[in-house]
Amino acid sequence: MPQTVASDEALDQEGFDTKPSPGRFRPFGGFLKLIVAADSSSSLLSRVRAGATLLALLAAFAGAGYFLPAYFSQYF
């Protein structure tokens, strides 16, 4: 059965860290926020903006996947 904790002092005594971690680097955090905004935003404008941004990212990766190998093939 899970333990219940009555106060913050009890958390500190058991060795739990009550402070948030200092700025973790999350490279996909913004990308995940865009997916959530495109899926569940109540505003139509926010959905369209997030969807267009996701399509632009997809086009950028597709372009990089096509043009970078073509560019490097000239040198090898």
PDB file of N, CA and C in Angstrom:
ATOM      1  N   MET A   1       0.841  -1.168   0.000  1.00  0.00           N
ATOM      2  CA  MET A   1       0.000   0.000   0.000  1.00  0.00           C
ATOM      3  C   MET A   1       0.892   1.240   0.000  1.00  0.00           C
ATOM      4  N   PRO A   2       0.579   2.280  -0.837  1.00  0.00           N
ATOM      5  CA  PRO A   2       1.443   3.448  -0.903  1.00  0.00           C
ATOM      6  C   PRO A   2       1.417   4.250   0.395  1.00  0.00           C
ATOM      7  N   GLN A   3       2.575   4.828   0.698  1.00  0.00           N
ATOM      8  CA  GLN A   3       2.676   5.643   1.899  1.00  0.00           C
ATOM      9  C   GLN A   3       2.127   7.041   1.621  1.00  0.00           C
ATOM     10  N   THR A   4       1.469   7.611   2.605  1.00  0.00           N
ATOM     11  CA  THR A   4       1.027   8.989   2.485  1.00  0.00           C
ATOM     12  C   THR A   4       1.953   9.860   3.312  1.00  0.00           C
ATOM     13  N   VAL A   5       2.225  11.052   2.806  1.00  0.00           N
ATOM     14  CA  VAL A   5       3.135  11.965   3.477  1.00  0.00           C
ATOM     15  C   VAL A   5       2.328  13.169   3.921  1.00  0.00           C
ATOM     16  N   ALA A   6       2.480  13.528   5.203  1.00  0.00           N
ATOM     17  CA  ALA A   6       1.650  14.590   5.774  1.00  0.00           C
ATOM     18  C   ALA A   6       2.256  15.976   5.611  1.00  0.00           C
ATOM     19  N   SER A   7       3.560  16.091   5.478  1.00  0.00           N
ATOM     20  CA  SER A   7       4.161  17.429   5.405  1.00  0.00           C
ATOM     21  C   SER A   7       5.391  17.409   4.518  1.00  0.00           C
ATOM     22  N   ASP A   8       5.854  18.605   4.212  1.00  0.00           N
ATOM     23  CA  ASP A   8       7.073  18.731   3.417  1.00  0.00           C
ATOM     24  C   ASP A   8       8.295  18.270   4.191  1.00  0.00           C
ATOM     25  N   GLU A   9       8.273  18.397   5.500  1.00  0.00           N
ATOM     26  CA  GLU A   9       9.401  17.942   6.307  1.00  0.00           C
ATOM     27  C   GLU A   9       9.590  16.438   6.171  1.00  0.00           C
ATOM     28  N   ALA A  10       8.502  15.710   6.087  1.00  0.00           N
ATOM     29  CA  ALA A  10       8.593  14.260   5.924  1.00  0.00           C
ATOM     30  C   ALA A  10       9.223  13.920   4.578  1.00  0.00           C
ATOM     31  N   LEU A  11       8.927  14.712   3.551  1.00  0.00           N
ATOM     32  CA  LEU A  11       9.552  14.478   2.244  1.00  0.00           C
ATOM     33  C   LEU A  11      11.052  14.683   2.321  1.00  0.00           C
ATOM     34  N   ASP A  12      11.465  15.757   2.995  1.00  0.00           N
ATOM     35  CA  ASP A  12      12.895  16.032   3.117  1.00  0.00           C
ATOM     36  C   ASP A  12      13.607  14.960   3.934  1.00  0.00           C
ATOM     37  N   GLN A  13      12.954  14.431   4.950  1.00  0.00           N
ATOM     38  CA  GLN A  13      13.576  13.431   5.800  1.00  0.00           C
ATOM     39  C   GLN A  13      13.769  12.117   5.068  1.00  0.00           C
ATOM     40  N   GLU A  14      12.899  11.803   4.131  1.00  0.00           N
ATOM     41  CA  GLU A  14      13.026  10.530   3.416  1.00  0.00           C
ATOM     42  C   GLU A  14      13.963  10.623   2.228  1.00  0.00           C
ATOM     43  N   GLY A  15      14.535  11.786   1.986  1.00  0.00           N
ATOM     44  CA  GLY A  15      15.520  11.907   0.923  1.00  0.00           C
ATOM     45  C   GLY A  15      14.938  12.281  -0.420  1.00  0.00           C
ATOM     46  N   PHE A  16      13.685  12.688  -0.475  1.00  0.00           N
ATOM     47  CA  PHE A  16      13.104  13.110  -1.742  1.00  0.00           C
ATOM     48  C   PHE A  16      13.544  14.534  -2.035  1.00  0.00           C
ATOM     49  N   ASP A  17      13.815  14.810  -3.272  1.00  0.00           N
ATOM     50  CA  ASP A  17      14.213  16.150  -3.679  1.00  0.00           C
ATOM     51  C   ASP A  17      12.954  16.949  -3.995  1.00  0.00           C
ATOM     52  N   THR A  18      12.696  18.004  -3.234  1.00  0.00           N
ATOM     53  CA  THR A  18      11.493  18.802  -3.449  1.00  0.00           C
ATOM     54  C   THR A  18      11.725  19.930  -4.432  1.00  0.00           C
ATOM     55  N   LYS A  19      12.964  20.197  -4.795  1.00  0.00           N
ATOM     56  CA  LYS A  19      13.272  21.274  -5.736  1.00  0.00           C
ATOM     57  C   LYS A  19      13.203  20.730  -7.164  1.00  0.00           C
ATOM     58  N   PRO A  20      12.737  21.551  -8.115  1.00  0.00           N
ATOM     59  CA  PRO A  20      12.739  21.093  -9.501  1.00  0.00           C
ATOM     60  C   PRO A  20      14.165  20.965 -10.025  1.00  0.00           C
ATOM     61  N   SER A  21      14.348  20.087 -10.965  1.00  0.00           N
ATOM     62  CA  SER A  21      15.680  19.904 -11.531  1.00  0.00           C
ATOM     63  C   SER A  21      16.086  21.152 -12.306  1.00  0.00           C
ATOM     64  N   PRO A  22      17.356  21.514 -12.282  1.00  0.00           N
ATOM     65  CA  PRO A  22      17.788  22.733 -12.966  1.00  0.00           C
ATOM     66  C   PRO A  22      17.795  22.541 -14.471  1.00  0.00           C
ATOM     67  N   GLY A  23      16.988  23.252 -15.180  1.00  0.00           N
ATOM     68  CA  GLY A  23      16.907  23.316 -16.633  1.00  0.00           C
ATOM     69  C   GLY A  23      17.445  22.150 -17.420  1.00  0.00           C
ATOM     70  N   ARG A  24      16.690  21.095 -17.522  1.00  0.00           N
ATOM     71  CA  ARG A  24      17.120  19.961 -18.343  1.00  0.00           C
ATOM     72  C   ARG A  24      16.961  20.301 -19.809  1.00  0.00           C
ATOM     73  N   PHE A  25      17.860  19.824 -20.631  1.00  0.00           N
ATOM     74  CA  PHE A  25      17.798  20.051 -22.071  1.00  0.00           C
ATOM     75  C   PHE A  25      16.875  19.008 -22.686  1.00  0.00           C
ATOM     76  N   ARG A  26      15.803  19.471 -23.284  1.00  0.00           N
ATOM     77  CA  ARG A  26      14.831  18.577 -23.927  1.00  0.00           C
ATOM     78  C   ARG A  26      14.705  18.959 -25.393  1.00  0.00           C
ATOM     79  N   PRO A  27      15.413  18.283 -26.279  1.00  0.00           N
ATOM     80  CA  PRO A  27      15.414  18.691 -27.691  1.00  0.00           C
ATOM     81  C   PRO A  27      14.070  18.503 -28.386  1.00  0.00           C
ATOM     82  N   PHE A  28      13.254  17.575 -27.929  1.00  0.00           N
ATOM     83  CA  PHE A  28      11.986  17.328 -28.604  1.00  0.00           C
ATOM     84  C   PHE A  28      10.797  17.927 -27.869  1.00  0.00           C
ATOM     85  N   GLY A  29      11.059  18.727 -26.842  1.00  0.00           N
ATOM     86  CA  GLY A  29       9.978  19.319 -26.065  1.00  0.00           C
ATOM     87  C   GLY A  29       9.088  20.227 -26.898  1.00  0.00           C
ATOM     88  N   GLY A  30       9.689  21.095 -27.707  1.00  0.00           N
ATOM     89  CA  GLY A  30       8.914  21.980 -28.567  1.00  0.00           C
ATOM     90  C   GLY A  30       8.145  21.225 -29.629  1.00  0.00           C
ATOM     91  N   PHE A  31       8.761  20.176 -30.157  1.00  0.00           N
ATOM     92  CA  PHE A  31       8.104  19.355 -31.171  1.00  0.00           C
ATOM     93  C   PHE A  31       6.878  18.659 -30.595  1.00  0.00           C
ATOM     94  N   LEU A  32       7.012  18.143 -29.388  1.00  0.00           N
ATOM     95  CA  LEU A  32       5.871  17.488 -28.748  1.00  0.00           C
ATOM     96  C   LEU A  32       4.764  18.481 -28.425  1.00  0.00           C
ATOM     97  N   LYS A  33       5.140  19.706 -28.040  1.00  0.00           N
ATOM     98  CA  LYS A  33       4.128  20.737 -27.790  1.00  0.00           C
ATOM     99  C   LYS A  33       3.368  21.074 -29.067  1.00  0.00           C
ATOM    100  N   LEU A  34       4.060  21.099 -30.204  1.00  0.00           N
ATOM    101  CA  LEU A  34       3.381  21.355 -31.475  1.00  0.00           C
ATOM    102  C   LEU A  34       2.386  20.256 -31.807  1.00  0.00           C
ATOM    103  N   ILE A  35       2.773  19.008 -31.565  1.00  0.00           N
ATOM    104  CA  ILE A  35       1.864  17.896 -31.840  1.00  0.00           C
ATOM    105  C   ILE A  35       0.629  17.988 -30.958  1.00  0.00           C
ATOM    106  N   VAL A  36       0.829  18.300 -29.696  1.00  0.00           N
ATOM    107  CA  VAL A  36      -0.305  18.419 -28.784  1.00  0.00           C
ATOM    108  C   VAL A  36      -1.179  19.602 -29.176  1.00  0.00           C
ATOM    109  N   ALA A  37      -0.578  20.727 -29.554  1.00  0.00           N
ATOM    110  CA  ALA A  37      -1.352  21.901 -29.952  1.00  0.00           C
ATOM    111  C   ALA A  37      -2.152  21.628 -31.214  1.00  0.00           C
ATOM    112  N   ALA A  38      -1.574  20.887 -32.147  1.00  0.00           N
ATOM    113  CA  ALA A  38      -2.289  20.573 -33.382  1.00  0.00           C
ATOM    114  C   ALA A  38      -3.434  19.611 -33.127  1.00  0.00           C
ATOM    115  N   ASP A  39      -3.311  18.800 -32.106  1.00  0.00           N
ATOM    116  CA  ASP A  39      -4.317  17.778 -31.835  1.00  0.00           C
ATOM    117  C   ASP A  39      -5.420  18.260 -30.902  1.00  0.00           C
ATOM    118  N   SER A  40      -5.086  19.011 -29.866  1.00  0.00           N
ATOM    119  CA  SER A  40      -6.080  19.257 -28.828  1.00  0.00           C
ATOM    120  C   SER A  40      -6.315  20.720 -28.489  1.00  0.00           C
ATOM    121  N   SER A  41      -5.850  21.639 -29.293  1.00  0.00           N
ATOM    122  CA  SER A  41      -6.082  23.045 -29.001  1.00  0.00           C
ATOM    123  C   SER A  41      -7.540  23.403 -29.261  1.00  0.00           C
ATOM    124  N   SER A  42      -8.082  24.269 -28.409  1.00  0.00           N
ATOM    125  CA  SER A  42      -9.481  24.663 -28.583  1.00  0.00           C
ATOM    126  C   SER A  42      -9.629  25.738 -29.657  1.00  0.00           C
ATOM    127  N   SER A  43      -8.556  26.450 -29.957  1.00  0.00           N
ATOM    128  CA  SER A  43      -8.603  27.512 -30.958  1.00  0.00           C
ATOM    129  C   SER A  43      -8.248  26.947 -32.332  1.00  0.00           C
ATOM    130  N   LEU A  44      -9.081  27.257 -33.325  1.00  0.00           N
ATOM    131  CA  LEU A  44      -8.829  26.783 -34.686  1.00  0.00           C
ATOM    132  C   LEU A  44      -7.539  27.382 -35.232  1.00  0.00           C
ATOM    133  N   LEU A  45      -7.278  28.653 -34.921  1.00  0.00           N
ATOM    134  CA  LEU A  45      -6.059  29.301 -35.398  1.00  0.00           C
ATOM    135  C   LEU A  45      -4.809  28.617 -34.846  1.00  0.00           C
ATOM    136  N   SER A  46      -4.839  28.225 -33.575  1.00  0.00           N
ATOM    137  CA  SER A  46      -3.692  27.521 -32.978  1.00  0.00           C
ATOM    138  C   SER A  46      -3.481  26.169 -33.630  1.00  0.00           C
ATOM    139  N   ARG A  47      -4.561  25.482 -33.935  1.00  0.00           N
ATOM    140  CA  ARG A  47      -4.433  24.186 -34.614  1.00  0.00           C
ATOM    141  C   ARG A  47      -3.825  24.337 -35.999  1.00  0.00           C
ATOM    142  N   VAL A  48      -4.307  25.326 -36.739  1.00  0.00           N
ATOM    143  CA  VAL A  48      -3.790  25.541 -38.098  1.00  0.00           C
ATOM    144  C   VAL A  48      -2.327  25.957 -38.054  1.00  0.00           C
ATOM    145  N   ARG A  49      -1.982  26.843 -37.127  1.00  0.00           N
ATOM    146  CA  ARG A  49      -0.594  27.298 -37.012  1.00  0.00           C
ATOM    147  C   ARG A  49       0.330  26.139 -36.632  1.00  0.00           C
ATOM    148  N   ALA A  50      -0.078  25.316 -35.673  1.00  0.00           N
ATOM    149  CA  ALA A  50       0.749  24.184 -35.264  1.00  0.00           C
ATOM    150  C   ALA A  50       0.867  23.158 -36.389  1.00  0.00           C
ATOM    151  N   GLY A  51      -0.229  22.911 -37.102  1.00  0.00           N
ATOM    152  CA  GLY A  51      -0.181  21.972 -38.229  1.00  0.00           C
ATOM    153  C   GLY A  51       0.713  22.475 -39.348  1.00  0.00           C
ATOM    154  N   ALA A  52       0.640  23.768 -39.646  1.00  0.00           N
ATOM    155  CA  ALA A  52       1.505  24.336 -40.693  1.00  0.00           C
ATOM    156  C   ALA A  52       2.971  24.278 -40.289  1.00  0.00           C
ATOM    157  N   THR A  53       3.251  24.511 -39.016  1.00  0.00           N
ATOM    158  CA  THR A  53       4.632  24.420 -38.538  1.00  0.00           C
ATOM    159  C   THR A  53       5.149  22.991 -38.635  1.00  0.00           C
ATOM    160  N   LEU A  54       4.301  22.024 -38.298  1.00  0.00           N
ATOM    161  CA  LEU A  54       4.712  20.618 -38.427  1.00  0.00           C
ATOM    162  C   LEU A  54       4.955  20.239 -39.884  1.00  0.00           C
ATOM    163  N   LEU A  55       4.115  20.724 -40.788  1.00  0.00           N
ATOM    164  CA  LEU A  55       4.331  20.458 -42.212  1.00  0.00           C
ATOM    165  C   LEU A  55       5.616  21.121 -42.710  1.00  0.00           C
ATOM    166  N   ALA A  56       5.903  22.326 -42.223  1.00  0.00           N
ATOM    167  CA  ALA A  56       7.146  22.995 -42.610  1.00  0.00           C
ATOM    168  C   ALA A  56       8.367  22.224 -42.111  1.00  0.00           C
ATOM    169  N   LEU A  57       8.287  21.696 -40.886  1.00  0.00           N
ATOM    170  CA  LEU A  57       9.389  20.867 -40.376  1.00  0.00           C
ATOM    171  C   LEU A  57       9.562  19.598 -41.204  1.00  0.00           C
ATOM    172  N   LEU A  58       8.462  18.981 -41.575  1.00  0.00           N
ATOM    173  CA  LEU A  58       8.530  17.781 -42.404  1.00  0.00           C
ATOM    174  C   LEU A  58       9.155  18.099 -43.756  1.00  0.00           C
ATOM    175  N   ALA A  59       8.765  19.225 -44.365  1.00  0.00           N
ATOM    176  CA  ALA A  59       9.331  19.625 -45.651  1.00  0.00           C
ATOM    177  C   ALA A  59      10.821  19.937 -45.530  1.00  0.00           C
ATOM    178  N   ALA A  60      11.220  20.551 -44.413  1.00  0.00           N
ATOM    179  CA  ALA A  60      12.637  20.860 -44.215  1.00  0.00           C
ATOM    180  C   ALA A  60      13.468  19.589 -44.099  1.00  0.00           C
ATOM    181  N   PHE A  61      12.960  18.602 -43.352  1.00  0.00           N
ATOM    182  CA  PHE A  61      13.694  17.338 -43.229  1.00  0.00           C
ATOM    183  C   PHE A  61      13.701  16.572 -44.554  1.00  0.00           C
ATOM    184  N   ALA A  62      12.618  16.630 -45.289  1.00  0.00           N
ATOM    185  CA  ALA A  62      12.588  15.963 -46.594  1.00  0.00           C
ATOM    186  C   ALA A  62      13.575  16.623 -47.550  1.00  0.00           C
ATOM    187  N   GLY A  63      13.611  17.948 -47.535  1.00  0.00           N
ATOM    188  CA  GLY A  63      14.564  18.660 -48.386  1.00  0.00           C
ATOM    189  C   GLY A  63      16.002  18.352 -48.004  1.00  0.00           C
ATOM    190  N   ALA A  64      16.262  18.322 -46.711  1.00  0.00           N
ATOM    191  CA  ALA A  64      17.619  17.984 -46.261  1.00  0.00           C
ATOM    192  C   ALA A  64      17.968  16.551 -46.638  1.00  0.00           C
ATOM    193  N   GLY A  65      17.003  15.645 -46.537  1.00  0.00           N
ATOM    194  CA  GLY A  65      17.254  14.252 -46.886  1.00  0.00           C
ATOM    195  C   GLY A  65      17.504  14.047 -48.369  1.00  0.00           C
ATOM    196  N   TYR A  66      17.004  14.958 -49.191  1.00  0.00           N
ATOM    197  CA  TYR A  66      17.230  14.849 -50.634  1.00  0.00           C
ATOM    198  C   TYR A  66      18.468  15.625 -51.068  1.00  0.00           C
ATOM    199  N   PHE A  67      18.560  16.889 -50.640  1.00  0.00           N
ATOM    200  CA  PHE A  67      19.606  17.758 -51.162  1.00  0.00           C
ATOM    201  C   PHE A  67      20.973  17.531 -50.536  1.00  0.00           C
ATOM    202  N   LEU A  68      21.052  17.159 -49.272  1.00  0.00           N
ATOM    203  CA  LEU A  68      22.365  16.920 -48.675  1.00  0.00           C
ATOM    204  C   LEU A  68      23.094  15.738 -49.317  1.00  0.00           C
ATOM    205  N   PRO A  69      22.446  14.588 -49.501  1.00  0.00           N
ATOM    206  CA  PRO A  69      23.167  13.510 -50.201  1.00  0.00           C
ATOM    207  C   PRO A  69      23.533  13.881 -51.637  1.00  0.00           C
ATOM    208  N   ALA A  70      22.668  14.625 -52.317  1.00  0.00           N
ATOM    209  CA  ALA A  70      22.992  15.054 -53.679  1.00  0.00           C
ATOM    210  C   ALA A  70      24.192  15.988 -53.681  1.00  0.00           C
ATOM    211  N   TYR A  71      24.270  16.865 -52.703  1.00  0.00           N
ATOM    212  CA  TYR A  71      25.395  17.786 -52.596  1.00  0.00           C
ATOM    213  C   TYR A  71      26.685  17.039 -52.286  1.00  0.00           C
ATOM    214  N   PHE A  72      26.633  16.124 -51.334  1.00  0.00           N
ATOM    215  CA  PHE A  72      27.843  15.387 -50.947  1.00  0.00           C
ATOM    216  C   PHE A  72      28.270  14.374 -52.003  1.00  0.00           C
ATOM    217  N   SER A  73      27.367  13.935 -52.858  1.00  0.00           N
ATOM    218  CA  SER A  73      27.742  12.971 -53.883  1.00  0.00           C
ATOM    219  C   SER A  73      28.666  13.582 -54.934  1.00  0.00           C
ATOM    220  N   GLN A  74      28.689  14.908 -55.007  1.00  0.00           N
ATOM    221  CA  GLN A  74      29.598  15.572 -55.939  1.00  0.00           C
ATOM    222  C   GLN A  74      31.055  15.428 -55.511  1.00  0.00           C
ATOM    223  N   TYR A  75      31.260  15.241 -54.201  1.00  0.00           N
ATOM    224  CA  TYR A  75      32.625  15.214 -53.672  1.00  0.00           C
ATOM    225  C   TYR A  75      33.146  13.818 -53.421  1.00  0.00           C
ATOM    226  N   PHE A  76      32.296  12.808 -53.506  1.00  0.00           N
ATOM    227  CA  PHE A  76      32.760  11.444 -53.225  1.00  0.00           C
ATOM    228  C   PHE A  76      32.600  10.559 -54.408  1.00  0.00           C
TER     229      PHE A  76
END
